[in-house]
Amino acid sequence: MKRTRSQKSEVRSQKKAGAGLLSSVFCLLSSACRRFHTRNLAWIFLALLFLAALFSDRIAGASYAHQFRDFPSAPISWRFLLGTDALGRDRLARLLAATRISLLLAPAAAVFSTALATLIGGLAGYRGGLIDRIAVRAIDLMLSLPWIFLLIAARALLPLNVSPAVSVLITFALLGALGWAGPARVIRAGVRDMRSSDFLLQARACGCRGFRLLLRQLAPNLKPVLLAQFWTAIPLFILSEANLGLLGLGVSDPLPSWGNLLRELETDLAFNPGIVACLALMLAVLGCFRVVTEQKTEVRIQKSEDRSQNNSLRGRPLII
């Protein structure tokens, strides 16, 4: 039995719809696979780099402060894979030691900054009134000032002739103390949105008050926001420390950092494998943190939305 013209056109449209659906599913799967592989590669690279930085003396075969006086400004060789500086120090050992400082202390400064932002923004958003107005004015003042100039001015007011270990602590403590304003604004907005939510009203009706309400109800729902602010602050603090070190206000010599390694550009504009490796490594680390931050933010936001939806469907608070 022959098909009519309308039946043939209907079959063609169904085939086209099926092909379009298959192509869209294939595109989604391929995009997800690419993102999955990219995230895994970023994590693997950061983990391997952190392990190499921890065992930098064994990998480079020398300490970052050891001076090979017979080989000042040595070129690349099997003994010195990145050469030596003007004092005869192995550039590879110093690069790995600088990486260790950045990968250890930038997250520590991000934890301090996020905790301070949580305290200020959470208290302002939850209490409201005069406390909220004061916090908002302080946040606006901090955000209106240029970040790098504020950082340089604050660091210049602190002692510069200190030991290398103290200079490291001062630098990253300053980064954490001055980097709270942006996260505090985001956290304050999140707390204000949740303050009149159904699960908080139910928790108050069940007798949950004060810090117990903050810890048991607000904190779990703010966790995605806090983690997003934490992961975003790490590359910002890495770049800020590099800027301070490049100006001579960061980590003091002989302790290496990415900033004071790049400071050699002031006196030597020729091709320098140590500086090129430092720039390439810093850009690779920042790119990996960007990939990790995007992945963490997407996952946490999705979990937060699912959690809030479940709370509203259940009609009761999480934990009292």
Protein backbone atom coordinates (compact mmCIF):
# COMPACT_ATOMS: atom_id res chain seq x y z
CA MET A 1 0.00 0.00 0.00
CA LYS A 2 1.50 3.30 -1.07
CA ARG A 3 1.93 6.15 1.39
CA THR A 4 0.28 9.45 0.76
CA ARG A 5 2.23 12.69 0.53
CA SER A 6 1.20 13.80 4.04
CA GLN A 7 2.35 10.49 5.54
CA LYS A 8 5.74 10.79 3.84
CA SER A 9 6.22 14.35 5.11
CA GLU A 10 5.25 13.22 8.62
CA VAL A 11 7.83 10.41 8.49
CA ARG A 12 10.51 12.86 7.30
CA SER A 13 9.71 15.29 10.11
CA GLN A 14 9.92 12.48 12.68
CA LYS A 15 13.30 11.40 11.32
CA LYS A 16 14.56 14.98 11.45
CA ALA A 17 13.31 15.39 15.02
CA GLY A 18 14.99 12.14 16.05
CA ALA A 19 18.26 13.15 14.37
CA GLY A 20 18.14 16.55 16.04
CA LEU A 21 17.51 14.95 19.42
CA LEU A 22 20.41 12.52 18.95
CA SER A 23 22.76 15.31 17.86
CA SER A 24 21.82 17.48 20.86
CA VAL A 25 22.32 14.55 23.25
CA PHE A 26 25.69 13.79 21.63
CA CYS A 27 26.76 17.43 21.96
CA LEU A 28 25.76 17.49 25.63
CA LEU A 29 27.61 14.24 26.34
CA SER A 30 30.74 15.36 24.51
CA SER A 31 30.70 18.72 26.32
CA ALA A 32 30.28 16.98 29.68
CA CYS A 33 33.14 14.58 28.89
CA ARG A 34 35.42 17.46 27.89
CA ARG A 35 34.59 19.37 31.07
CA PHE A 36 35.07 16.23 33.17
CA HIS A 37 38.48 15.53 31.64
CA THR A 38 39.49 19.18 31.98
CA ARG A 39 38.57 19.26 35.68
CA ASN A 40 40.38 16.01 36.35
CA LEU A 41 43.48 17.23 34.53
CA ALA A 42 43.40 20.46 36.55
CA TRP A 43 43.18 18.54 39.83
CA ILE A 44 45.95 16.14 38.80
CA PHE A 45 48.22 18.99 37.74
CA LEU A 46 47.69 20.88 41.01
CA ALA A 47 48.24 17.72 43.08
CA LEU A 48 51.46 16.79 41.25
CA LEU A 49 52.73 20.35 41.46
CA PHE A 50 52.00 20.47 45.19
CA LEU A 51 53.88 17.20 45.76
CA ALA A 52 56.82 18.46 43.70
CA ALA A 53 56.86 21.68 45.71
CA LEU A 54 56.83 19.75 49.00
CA PHE A 55 59.87 17.71 47.95
CA SER A 56 61.63 20.50 46.08
CA ASP A 57 65.03 19.87 47.69
CA ARG A 58 65.09 16.26 46.55
CA ILE A 59 63.83 17.01 43.06
CA ALA A 60 66.20 19.91 42.43
CA GLY A 61 69.08 18.32 44.33
CA ALA A 62 69.82 21.50 46.30
CA SER A 63 68.25 23.92 48.72
CA TYR A 64 66.73 27.16 47.44
CA ALA A 65 69.26 29.17 49.51
CA HIS A 66 72.38 27.16 48.62
CA GLN A 67 74.87 29.17 46.55
CA PHE A 68 77.04 27.48 43.95
CA ARG A 69 79.72 30.15 43.94
CA ASP A 70 81.58 28.58 41.02
CA PHE A 71 78.50 28.74 38.79
CA PRO A 72 76.96 32.24 38.95
CA SER A 73 74.43 32.93 36.17
CA ALA A 74 74.99 29.46 34.76
CA PRO A 75 73.00 28.50 31.66
CA ILE A 76 70.68 25.52 31.34
CA SER A 77 72.47 22.21 31.83
CA TRP A 78 71.84 18.70 33.13
CA ARG A 79 72.98 19.84 36.55
CA PHE A 80 70.94 23.05 36.57
CA LEU A 81 67.77 22.48 34.54
CA LEU A 82 66.81 26.17 34.67
CA GLY A 83 70.28 27.59 35.26
CA THR A 84 71.37 29.64 38.26
CA ASP A 85 70.89 33.26 39.27
CA ALA A 86 73.57 35.90 39.84
CA LEU A 87 74.36 34.45 43.28
CA GLY A 88 74.67 30.89 42.01
CA ARG A 89 71.36 29.62 43.42
CA ASP A 90 69.51 26.91 41.54
CA ARG A 91 66.52 28.46 39.77
CA LEU A 92 64.53 25.22 39.74
CA ALA A 93 64.88 24.79 43.51
CA ARG A 94 63.81 28.39 44.06
CA LEU A 95 60.86 28.07 41.68
CA LEU A 96 59.57 24.96 43.45
CA ALA A 97 60.03 26.58 46.87
CA ALA A 98 58.11 29.66 45.68
CA THR A 99 55.34 27.41 44.40
CA ARG A 100 55.15 25.74 47.81
CA ILE A 101 54.70 29.11 49.53
CA SER A 102 51.94 30.20 47.15
CA LEU A 103 50.02 26.91 47.21
CA LEU A 104 50.17 26.68 51.01
CA LEU A 105 49.63 30.25 52.16
CA ALA A 106 47.24 31.60 49.52
CA PRO A 107 44.53 29.10 50.61
CA ALA A 108 45.28 29.96 54.25
CA ALA A 109 44.77 33.67 53.49
CA ALA A 110 41.57 32.77 51.61
CA VAL A 111 40.28 30.88 54.68
CA PHE A 112 41.00 33.89 56.90
CA SER A 113 39.37 36.31 54.45
CA THR A 114 36.27 34.13 54.01
CA ALA A 115 35.89 33.69 57.79
CA LEU A 116 36.13 37.45 58.33
CA ALA A 117 33.64 38.08 55.51
CA THR A 118 31.27 35.49 57.00
CA LEU A 119 31.40 37.16 60.39
CA ILE A 120 30.79 40.67 59.06
CA GLY A 121 28.39 39.88 56.23
CA GLY A 122 26.46 37.25 58.15
CA LEU A 123 26.00 39.45 61.21
CA ALA A 124 24.96 42.43 59.07
CA GLY A 125 22.48 40.44 57.00
CA TYR A 126 20.95 38.63 59.95
CA ARG A 127 20.70 41.47 62.46
CA GLY A 128 19.90 44.35 60.11
CA GLY A 129 19.33 47.84 61.45
CA LEU A 130 22.30 49.91 62.58
CA ILE A 131 24.76 47.02 62.32
CA ASP A 132 23.74 46.43 58.72
CA ARG A 133 24.12 50.11 57.81
CA ILE A 134 27.59 50.33 59.37
CA ALA A 135 28.70 47.13 57.64
CA VAL A 136 27.39 48.32 54.28
CA ARG A 137 29.25 51.63 54.60
CA ALA A 138 32.45 49.80 55.53
CA ILE A 139 32.07 47.42 52.59
CA ASP A 140 31.40 50.29 50.16
CA LEU A 141 34.45 52.14 51.48
CA MET A 142 36.72 49.13 51.05
CA LEU A 143 35.42 48.38 47.56
CA SER A 144 35.72 52.01 46.45
CA LEU A 145 39.46 52.01 47.12
CA PRO A 146 41.74 50.51 44.42
CA TRP A 147 42.74 47.06 45.69
CA ILE A 148 46.39 47.08 44.64
CA PHE A 149 47.07 50.64 45.87
CA LEU A 150 45.40 49.89 49.20
CA LEU A 151 47.51 46.76 49.51
CA ILE A 152 50.75 48.59 48.68
CA ALA A 153 49.99 51.43 51.09
CA ALA A 154 49.12 49.05 53.93
CA ARG A 155 52.23 46.94 53.33
CA ALA A 156 54.48 50.02 53.18
CA LEU A 157 53.22 51.11 56.61
CA LEU A 158 54.30 47.80 58.15
CA PRO A 159 57.94 46.94 58.98
CA LEU A 160 60.03 45.93 55.98
CA ASN A 161 63.28 44.95 57.71
CA VAL A 162 62.02 41.68 59.12
CA SER A 163 63.03 38.05 58.77
CA PRO A 164 61.84 36.12 55.69
CA ALA A 165 59.40 34.00 57.72
CA VAL A 166 57.83 37.09 59.29
CA SER A 167 57.57 38.77 55.89
CA VAL A 168 55.63 35.76 54.58
CA LEU A 169 53.19 35.90 57.49
CA ILE A 170 52.75 39.67 57.18
CA THR A 171 52.12 39.47 53.42
CA PHE A 172 49.46 36.78 53.47
CA ALA A 173 47.84 38.02 56.69
CA LEU A 174 47.50 41.41 55.03
CA LEU A 175 45.94 39.81 51.96
CA GLY A 176 43.39 38.01 54.11
CA ALA A 177 42.63 41.08 56.24
CA LEU A 178 41.99 43.34 53.24
CA GLY A 179 40.17 40.87 50.98
CA TRP A 180 36.96 40.48 52.98
CA ALA A 181 34.81 43.24 51.46
CA GLY A 182 33.70 41.55 48.24
CA PRO A 183 32.80 38.20 49.85
CA ALA A 184 31.07 40.01 52.74
CA ARG A 185 28.70 41.76 50.33
CA VAL A 186 27.76 38.44 48.68
CA ILE A 187 27.30 36.68 52.04
CA ARG A 188 25.21 39.55 53.42
CA ALA A 189 22.90 39.36 50.40
CA GLY A 190 22.53 35.60 50.84
CA VAL A 191 21.72 35.90 54.54
CA ARG A 192 19.14 38.65 53.89
CA ASP A 193 17.41 36.43 51.32
CA MET A 194 17.27 33.52 53.76
CA ARG A 195 16.25 35.56 56.80
CA SER A 196 12.55 35.46 55.92
CA SER A 197 12.54 31.99 54.34
CA ASP A 198 10.07 29.34 55.41
CA PHE A 199 12.54 26.95 57.01
CA LEU A 200 13.96 29.70 59.23
CA LEU A 201 10.49 30.75 60.33
CA GLN A 202 9.69 27.15 61.17
CA ALA A 203 12.97 26.78 63.04
CA ARG A 204 12.14 29.86 65.15
CA ALA A 205 8.70 28.45 65.83
CA CYS A 206 10.31 25.24 67.08
CA GLY A 207 12.43 27.20 69.56
CA CYS A 208 15.72 27.53 67.65
CA ARG A 209 17.32 30.90 68.46
CA GLY A 210 20.58 32.82 68.32
CA PHE A 211 23.82 31.15 67.27
CA ARG A 212 22.14 27.75 67.14
CA LEU A 213 19.89 29.07 64.39
CA LEU A 214 22.90 30.46 62.53
CA LEU A 215 24.98 27.30 62.82
CA ARG A 216 22.26 24.72 62.21
CA GLN A 217 20.10 26.50 59.64
CA LEU A 218 21.92 29.32 57.89
CA ALA A 219 25.42 27.84 57.72
CA PRO A 220 24.51 24.66 55.74
CA ASN A 221 22.58 26.72 53.18
CA LEU A 222 25.40 29.27 52.90
CA LYS A 223 28.05 26.61 52.35
CA PRO A 224 27.97 26.87 48.50
CA VAL A 225 28.43 30.65 48.69
CA LEU A 226 31.28 30.36 51.19
CA LEU A 227 33.11 27.74 49.12
CA ALA A 228 32.69 29.79 45.96
CA GLN A 229 34.19 32.85 47.68
CA PHE A 230 37.05 30.73 49.05
CA TRP A 231 38.01 29.24 45.69
CA THR A 232 37.71 32.61 43.97
CA ALA A 233 40.01 34.31 46.50
CA ILE A 234 42.95 31.90 46.03
CA PRO A 235 44.05 33.05 42.51
CA LEU A 236 43.39 36.66 43.51
CA PHE A 237 45.78 36.35 46.47
CA ILE A 238 48.39 34.57 44.34
CA LEU A 239 48.40 37.46 41.86
CA SER A 240 48.39 40.05 44.65
CA GLU A 241 51.43 38.47 46.30
CA ALA A 242 53.21 38.42 42.94
CA ASN A 243 52.49 42.14 42.53
CA LEU A 244 53.85 42.93 46.00
CA GLY A 245 56.94 40.82 45.43
CA LEU A 246 57.57 42.46 42.08
CA LEU A 247 57.61 45.83 43.85
CA GLY A 248 59.86 44.59 46.67
CA LEU A 249 57.11 44.70 49.31
CA GLY A 250 56.34 41.00 49.54
CA VAL A 251 58.34 38.02 50.74
CA SER A 252 61.92 39.06 51.51
CA ASP A 253 65.07 37.38 50.22
CA PRO A 254 66.46 34.67 50.46
CA LEU A 255 63.02 33.06 50.77
CA PRO A 256 61.66 32.83 47.22
CA SER A 257 58.20 33.74 45.98
CA TRP A 258 56.78 34.16 42.52
CA GLY A 259 56.88 37.91 42.98
CA ASN A 260 60.55 38.27 43.91
CA LEU A 261 61.53 35.75 41.23
CA LEU A 262 59.88 37.98 38.64
CA ARG A 263 61.67 40.96 40.12
CA GLU A 264 64.74 40.03 38.08
CA LEU A 265 62.97 41.64 35.12
CA GLU A 266 64.01 45.01 36.59
CA THR A 267 67.68 44.38 35.85
CA ASP A 268 67.73 41.65 33.21
CA LEU A 269 65.53 41.97 30.13
CA ALA A 270 67.30 39.22 28.17
CA PHE A 271 65.79 35.77 27.72
CA ASN A 272 65.75 34.11 31.10
CA PRO A 273 64.50 30.51 31.35
CA GLY A 274 63.82 30.88 35.08
CA ILE A 275 61.50 33.86 34.58
CA VAL A 276 59.78 32.22 31.61
CA ALA A 277 59.19 29.06 33.67
CA CYS A 278 57.88 31.13 36.58
CA LEU A 279 55.41 33.00 34.35
CA ALA A 280 54.27 29.81 32.62
CA LEU A 281 53.80 27.99 35.92
CA MET A 282 51.88 30.87 37.47
CA LEU A 283 49.55 31.13 34.48
CA ALA A 284 48.99 27.36 34.50
CA VAL A 285 48.14 27.38 38.21
CA LEU A 286 45.73 30.30 37.78
CA GLY A 287 44.06 28.53 34.87
CA CYS A 288 43.67 25.33 36.89
CA PHE A 289 42.15 27.23 39.80
CA ARG A 290 39.70 28.86 37.39
CA VAL A 291 38.57 25.47 36.11
CA VAL A 292 38.27 24.09 39.65
CA THR A 293 36.36 27.18 40.81
CA GLU A 294 33.82 26.90 38.01
CA GLN A 295 33.27 23.21 38.74
CA LYS A 296 32.93 23.72 42.49
CA THR A 297 30.54 26.65 42.05
CA GLU A 298 28.25 24.75 39.67
CA VAL A 299 28.10 21.64 41.87
CA ARG A 300 27.51 23.55 45.11
CA ILE A 301 24.83 25.81 43.64
CA GLN A 302 22.99 22.79 42.26
CA LYS A 303 23.15 21.07 45.65
CA SER A 304 21.96 24.22 47.38
CA GLU A 305 18.97 24.54 45.04
CA ASP A 306 18.07 20.89 45.56
CA ARG A 307 18.41 21.27 49.32
CA SER A 308 16.22 24.37 49.48
CA GLN A 309 13.62 22.69 47.28
CA ASN A 310 13.58 19.62 49.51
CA ASN A 311 13.19 21.80 52.61
CA SER A 312 10.23 23.64 51.14
CA LEU A 313 8.60 20.38 50.04
CA ARG A 314 9.03 18.77 53.42
CA GLY A 315 7.68 21.81 55.22
CA ARG A 316 10.12 21.55 58.12
CA PRO A 317 13.63 22.81 58.93
CA LEU A 318 16.75 20.70 58.41
CA ILE A 319 18.00 20.22 61.97
CA ILE A 320 16.74 21.80 65.13
